N, C-alpha and C. Protein backbone atom coordinates (compact mmCIF):
# COMPACT_ATOMS: atom_id res chain seq x y z
N MET A 1 6.29 -10.76 4.30
CA MET A 1 5.05 -10.38 3.68
C MET A 1 5.33 -10.02 2.23
N GLY A 2 4.45 -10.41 1.34
CA GLY A 2 4.62 -10.05 -0.05
C GLY A 2 3.48 -10.56 -0.88
N GLY A 3 3.29 -9.95 -2.00
CA GLY A 3 2.24 -10.37 -2.91
C GLY A 3 2.77 -11.42 -3.85
N GLU A 4 2.08 -11.60 -4.96
CA GLU A 4 2.53 -12.56 -5.95
C GLU A 4 3.91 -12.16 -6.42
N ASP A 5 4.81 -13.12 -6.54
CA ASP A 5 6.19 -12.87 -6.95
C ASP A 5 6.89 -11.88 -6.02
N GLY A 6 6.43 -11.75 -4.76
CA GLY A 6 7.07 -10.87 -3.80
C GLY A 6 6.79 -9.39 -4.03
N LYS A 7 5.86 -9.04 -4.91
CA LYS A 7 5.57 -7.64 -5.22
C LYS A 7 4.31 -7.19 -4.50
N MET A 8 4.25 -5.89 -4.22
CA MET A 8 3.03 -5.29 -3.71
C MET A 8 2.51 -4.36 -4.79
N PHE A 9 1.22 -4.33 -5.00
CA PHE A 9 0.64 -3.50 -6.04
C PHE A 9 -0.06 -2.33 -5.39
N ASP A 10 0.36 -1.12 -5.71
CA ASP A 10 -0.19 0.09 -5.12
C ASP A 10 -1.36 0.58 -5.96
N THR A 11 -2.51 0.73 -5.33
CA THR A 11 -3.67 1.28 -6.02
C THR A 11 -4.32 2.30 -5.10
N ASP A 12 -4.00 3.58 -5.34
CA ASP A 12 -4.58 4.68 -4.57
C ASP A 12 -4.40 4.51 -3.07
N GLY A 13 -3.20 4.15 -2.63
CA GLY A 13 -2.92 4.01 -1.21
C GLY A 13 -3.23 2.63 -0.66
N TRP A 14 -3.85 1.79 -1.42
CA TRP A 14 -4.16 0.43 -1.00
C TRP A 14 -3.16 -0.50 -1.67
N ARG A 15 -2.83 -1.60 -1.04
CA ARG A 15 -1.87 -2.53 -1.61
C ARG A 15 -2.45 -3.94 -1.62
N GLU A 16 -2.32 -4.60 -2.76
CA GLU A 16 -2.68 -6.01 -2.86
C GLU A 16 -1.53 -6.80 -2.28
N ILE A 17 -1.81 -7.76 -1.40
CA ILE A 17 -0.74 -8.45 -0.70
C ILE A 17 -1.20 -9.82 -0.22
N THR A 18 -0.23 -10.69 0.02
CA THR A 18 -0.48 -11.96 0.69
C THR A 18 0.29 -11.92 2.00
N VAL A 19 -0.39 -12.21 3.10
CA VAL A 19 0.23 -12.18 4.42
C VAL A 19 0.13 -13.57 5.02
N ARG A 20 1.27 -14.08 5.49
CA ARG A 20 1.29 -15.38 6.17
C ARG A 20 1.57 -15.11 7.64
N GLY A 21 0.70 -15.61 8.51
CA GLY A 21 0.89 -15.37 9.93
C GLY A 21 -0.04 -16.21 10.79
N ILE A 22 0.16 -16.07 12.10
CA ILE A 22 -0.67 -16.77 13.08
C ILE A 22 -1.86 -15.88 13.42
N VAL A 23 -3.06 -16.46 13.46
CA VAL A 23 -4.26 -15.72 13.81
C VAL A 23 -4.29 -15.57 15.34
N VAL A 24 -4.36 -14.30 15.79
CA VAL A 24 -4.32 -13.98 17.21
C VAL A 24 -5.50 -13.07 17.54
N ALA A 25 -6.10 -13.25 18.72
CA ALA A 25 -7.18 -12.36 19.15
C ALA A 25 -6.63 -10.95 19.34
N ALA A 26 -7.33 -9.96 18.81
CA ALA A 26 -6.87 -8.57 18.92
C ALA A 26 -7.74 -7.76 19.87
N GLY A 27 -8.90 -8.30 20.24
CA GLY A 27 -9.82 -7.57 21.10
C GLY A 27 -9.36 -7.54 22.55
N SER A 28 -9.85 -6.55 23.27
CA SER A 28 -9.45 -6.40 24.67
C SER A 28 -10.40 -7.12 25.63
N SER A 29 -11.48 -7.69 25.10
CA SER A 29 -12.42 -8.43 25.94
C SER A 29 -12.89 -9.68 25.21
N ALA A 30 -13.54 -10.56 25.96
CA ALA A 30 -14.04 -11.81 25.37
C ALA A 30 -15.13 -11.54 24.34
N ASP A 31 -15.83 -10.42 24.45
CA ASP A 31 -16.90 -10.08 23.52
C ASP A 31 -16.38 -9.47 22.22
N ASP A 32 -15.13 -9.03 22.23
CA ASP A 32 -14.53 -8.39 21.06
C ASP A 32 -13.92 -9.47 20.19
N ASP A 33 -14.47 -9.68 18.99
CA ASP A 33 -14.03 -10.80 18.16
C ASP A 33 -13.03 -10.40 17.07
N ARG A 34 -12.37 -9.24 17.22
CA ARG A 34 -11.36 -8.83 16.23
C ARG A 34 -10.13 -9.73 16.32
N VAL A 35 -9.49 -9.94 15.18
CA VAL A 35 -8.26 -10.73 15.14
C VAL A 35 -7.19 -9.98 14.36
N LEU A 36 -5.97 -10.43 14.54
CA LEU A 36 -4.86 -9.91 13.75
C LEU A 36 -3.99 -11.08 13.34
N LEU A 37 -3.15 -10.82 12.35
CA LEU A 37 -2.17 -11.82 11.92
C LEU A 37 -0.81 -11.37 12.42
N GLU A 38 -0.12 -12.26 13.11
CA GLU A 38 1.23 -11.97 13.56
C GLU A 38 2.18 -12.73 12.65
N THR A 39 3.01 -11.98 11.92
CA THR A 39 3.92 -12.59 10.95
C THR A 39 5.18 -13.09 11.63
N SER A 40 6.00 -13.81 10.89
CA SER A 40 7.24 -14.36 11.44
C SER A 40 8.21 -13.27 11.88
N ASP A 41 8.10 -12.06 11.29
CA ASP A 41 8.96 -10.96 11.71
C ASP A 41 8.29 -10.09 12.77
N GLU A 42 7.23 -10.62 13.40
CA GLU A 42 6.49 -10.01 14.49
C GLU A 42 5.71 -8.76 14.09
N THR A 43 5.43 -8.61 12.80
CA THR A 43 4.56 -7.54 12.33
C THR A 43 3.13 -7.93 12.65
N GLU A 44 2.35 -7.00 13.20
CA GLU A 44 0.94 -7.27 13.49
C GLU A 44 0.08 -6.59 12.44
N VAL A 45 -0.77 -7.38 11.79
CA VAL A 45 -1.67 -6.87 10.76
C VAL A 45 -3.10 -7.12 11.22
N LEU A 46 -3.82 -6.04 11.53
CA LEU A 46 -5.20 -6.14 11.97
C LEU A 46 -6.06 -6.60 10.80
N VAL A 47 -7.00 -7.49 11.05
CA VAL A 47 -7.88 -8.02 10.00
C VAL A 47 -9.20 -7.27 10.04
N ASP A 48 -9.60 -6.73 8.89
CA ASP A 48 -10.90 -6.09 8.75
C ASP A 48 -11.95 -7.19 8.92
N PRO A 49 -12.89 -7.06 9.87
CA PRO A 49 -13.85 -8.14 10.13
C PRO A 49 -14.93 -8.29 9.07
N ASP A 50 -15.03 -7.33 8.15
CA ASP A 50 -16.05 -7.43 7.10
C ASP A 50 -15.69 -8.53 6.12
N GLY A 51 -16.70 -9.17 5.59
CA GLY A 51 -16.49 -10.19 4.56
C GLY A 51 -15.74 -11.40 5.07
N VAL A 52 -14.80 -11.86 4.27
CA VAL A 52 -14.05 -13.09 4.55
C VAL A 52 -13.21 -12.97 5.83
N GLY A 53 -12.76 -11.76 6.15
CA GLY A 53 -11.93 -11.57 7.34
C GLY A 53 -12.59 -12.02 8.63
N GLY A 54 -13.91 -11.91 8.70
CA GLY A 54 -14.65 -12.35 9.88
C GLY A 54 -14.55 -13.84 10.14
N GLU A 55 -14.26 -14.60 9.10
CA GLU A 55 -14.16 -16.07 9.24
C GLU A 55 -12.86 -16.50 9.92
N LEU A 56 -11.86 -15.63 9.94
CA LEU A 56 -10.56 -16.01 10.52
C LEU A 56 -10.63 -16.27 12.02
N ARG A 57 -11.64 -15.74 12.69
CA ARG A 57 -11.81 -15.96 14.14
C ARG A 57 -11.87 -17.46 14.46
N GLU A 58 -12.37 -18.25 13.51
CA GLU A 58 -12.49 -19.69 13.71
C GLU A 58 -11.13 -20.40 13.71
N TYR A 59 -10.07 -19.69 13.32
CA TYR A 59 -8.75 -20.31 13.18
C TYR A 59 -7.72 -19.71 14.12
N LEU A 60 -8.16 -19.32 15.33
CA LEU A 60 -7.23 -18.77 16.32
C LEU A 60 -6.06 -19.72 16.55
N HIS A 61 -4.87 -19.16 16.63
CA HIS A 61 -3.62 -19.88 16.91
C HIS A 61 -3.19 -20.80 15.78
N GLU A 62 -3.80 -20.65 14.61
CA GLU A 62 -3.37 -21.42 13.44
C GLU A 62 -2.69 -20.48 12.46
N GLU A 63 -1.81 -21.05 11.64
CA GLU A 63 -1.12 -20.26 10.63
C GLU A 63 -1.96 -20.25 9.36
N VAL A 64 -2.15 -19.05 8.81
CA VAL A 64 -2.92 -18.90 7.58
C VAL A 64 -2.13 -18.06 6.59
N GLU A 65 -2.50 -18.18 5.34
CA GLU A 65 -2.00 -17.32 4.28
C GLU A 65 -3.22 -16.58 3.75
N ALA A 66 -3.28 -15.26 4.02
CA ALA A 66 -4.43 -14.46 3.65
C ALA A 66 -4.07 -13.51 2.51
N ARG A 67 -4.97 -13.42 1.53
CA ARG A 67 -4.79 -12.52 0.39
C ARG A 67 -5.82 -11.41 0.49
N GLY A 68 -5.38 -10.20 0.20
CA GLY A 68 -6.32 -9.10 0.25
C GLY A 68 -5.68 -7.76 0.01
N VAL A 69 -6.35 -6.72 0.48
CA VAL A 69 -5.92 -5.35 0.27
C VAL A 69 -5.40 -4.81 1.60
N LEU A 70 -4.18 -4.29 1.57
CA LEU A 70 -3.54 -3.77 2.77
C LEU A 70 -3.55 -2.25 2.74
N ARG A 71 -3.86 -1.66 3.88
CA ARG A 71 -3.83 -0.19 4.02
C ARG A 71 -3.41 0.14 5.44
N LYS A 72 -3.18 1.40 5.70
CA LYS A 72 -2.91 1.87 7.07
C LYS A 72 -4.13 2.65 7.55
N ASP A 73 -4.50 2.44 8.82
CA ASP A 73 -5.61 3.21 9.37
C ASP A 73 -5.10 4.56 9.87
N ARG A 74 -5.97 5.33 10.49
CA ARG A 74 -5.61 6.68 10.96
C ARG A 74 -4.48 6.68 11.97
N THR A 75 -4.36 5.60 12.71
CA THR A 75 -3.31 5.54 13.74
C THR A 75 -2.01 4.94 13.20
N GLY A 76 -2.01 4.54 11.93
CA GLY A 76 -0.81 3.98 11.33
C GLY A 76 -0.71 2.46 11.39
N ARG A 77 -1.74 1.81 11.96
CA ARG A 77 -1.74 0.34 12.01
C ARG A 77 -2.07 -0.23 10.64
N LEU A 78 -1.44 -1.35 10.33
CA LEU A 78 -1.73 -2.06 9.08
C LEU A 78 -3.05 -2.81 9.23
N VAL A 79 -3.92 -2.69 8.22
CA VAL A 79 -5.22 -3.34 8.22
C VAL A 79 -5.37 -4.10 6.91
N LEU A 80 -5.76 -5.37 7.00
CA LEU A 80 -5.94 -6.20 5.82
C LEU A 80 -7.42 -6.50 5.61
N ARG A 81 -7.94 -6.14 4.43
CA ARG A 81 -9.29 -6.57 4.04
C ARG A 81 -9.11 -7.86 3.27
N VAL A 82 -9.48 -8.96 3.88
CA VAL A 82 -9.20 -10.30 3.34
C VAL A 82 -10.16 -10.63 2.21
N ARG A 83 -9.58 -11.09 1.10
CA ARG A 83 -10.39 -11.54 -0.05
C ARG A 83 -10.42 -13.06 -0.13
N GLY A 84 -9.47 -13.70 0.51
CA GLY A 84 -9.41 -15.16 0.55
C GLY A 84 -8.27 -15.60 1.44
N PHE A 85 -8.35 -16.82 1.94
CA PHE A 85 -7.26 -17.33 2.79
C PHE A 85 -7.23 -18.84 2.75
N GLU A 86 -6.07 -19.37 3.15
CA GLU A 86 -5.89 -20.82 3.27
C GLU A 86 -5.22 -21.08 4.60
N VAL A 87 -5.65 -22.13 5.27
CA VAL A 87 -4.99 -22.56 6.51
C VAL A 87 -3.76 -23.35 6.11
N CYS A 88 -2.61 -23.01 6.68
CA CYS A 88 -1.35 -23.67 6.33
C CYS A 88 -1.21 -24.98 7.09
N GLU A 89 -0.65 -25.94 6.41
CA GLU A 89 -0.38 -27.23 7.03
C GLU A 89 0.89 -27.13 7.85
N TRP A 90 0.87 -27.65 9.05
CA TRP A 90 2.07 -27.68 9.89
C TRP A 90 2.94 -28.83 9.43
N VAL A 91 4.20 -28.56 9.24
CA VAL A 91 5.16 -29.59 8.88
C VAL A 91 5.99 -29.87 10.11
N GLU A 92 5.89 -31.09 10.59
CA GLU A 92 6.62 -31.45 11.80
C GLU A 92 8.10 -31.66 11.47
N GLU A 93 8.93 -30.92 12.18
CA GLU A 93 10.37 -31.06 11.95
C GLU A 93 10.88 -32.25 12.76
N VAL A 94 11.74 -33.00 12.13
CA VAL A 94 12.33 -34.16 12.80
C VAL A 94 13.69 -33.74 13.35
N ALA A 95 13.85 -33.84 14.65
CA ALA A 95 15.13 -33.48 15.27
C ALA A 95 16.14 -34.58 14.98
N GLN A 96 17.32 -34.16 14.57
CA GLN A 96 18.35 -35.13 14.29
C GLN A 96 19.17 -35.35 15.56
N ASP A 97 19.47 -36.57 15.83
CA ASP A 97 20.25 -36.93 17.00
C ASP A 97 21.71 -36.60 16.74
N GLU A 98 22.28 -35.72 17.56
CA GLU A 98 23.68 -35.31 17.37
C GLU A 98 24.64 -36.44 17.65
N TRP A 99 24.21 -37.44 18.38
CA TRP A 99 25.11 -38.53 18.77
C TRP A 99 25.23 -39.59 17.68
N VAL A 100 24.32 -39.60 16.74
CA VAL A 100 24.36 -40.59 15.67
C VAL A 100 25.39 -40.15 14.64
N LYS A 101 26.28 -41.06 14.25
CA LYS A 101 27.32 -40.73 13.28
C LYS A 101 27.11 -41.49 11.99
């Protein structure tokens, strides 16, 4: 996780950041449409559903790069208020045959 040039900008307890992760359902029921981003280091970042963050529900199980303001809620969970995001393109890895010399 990191902002532009890998930096986080602190503004009164809020941090500007870019988070890359898989969009995962965070709600405990089918009616709960909250999502979170699970990063490659298994950090879970809850997405604020207001504004642009509400649109991420459409991209369940896809990798996105989301930009926004990061804070901690009362329980200490990371919460991202999304200002913009891009769906990441999957790059298919080609397995190399170990037997080929």
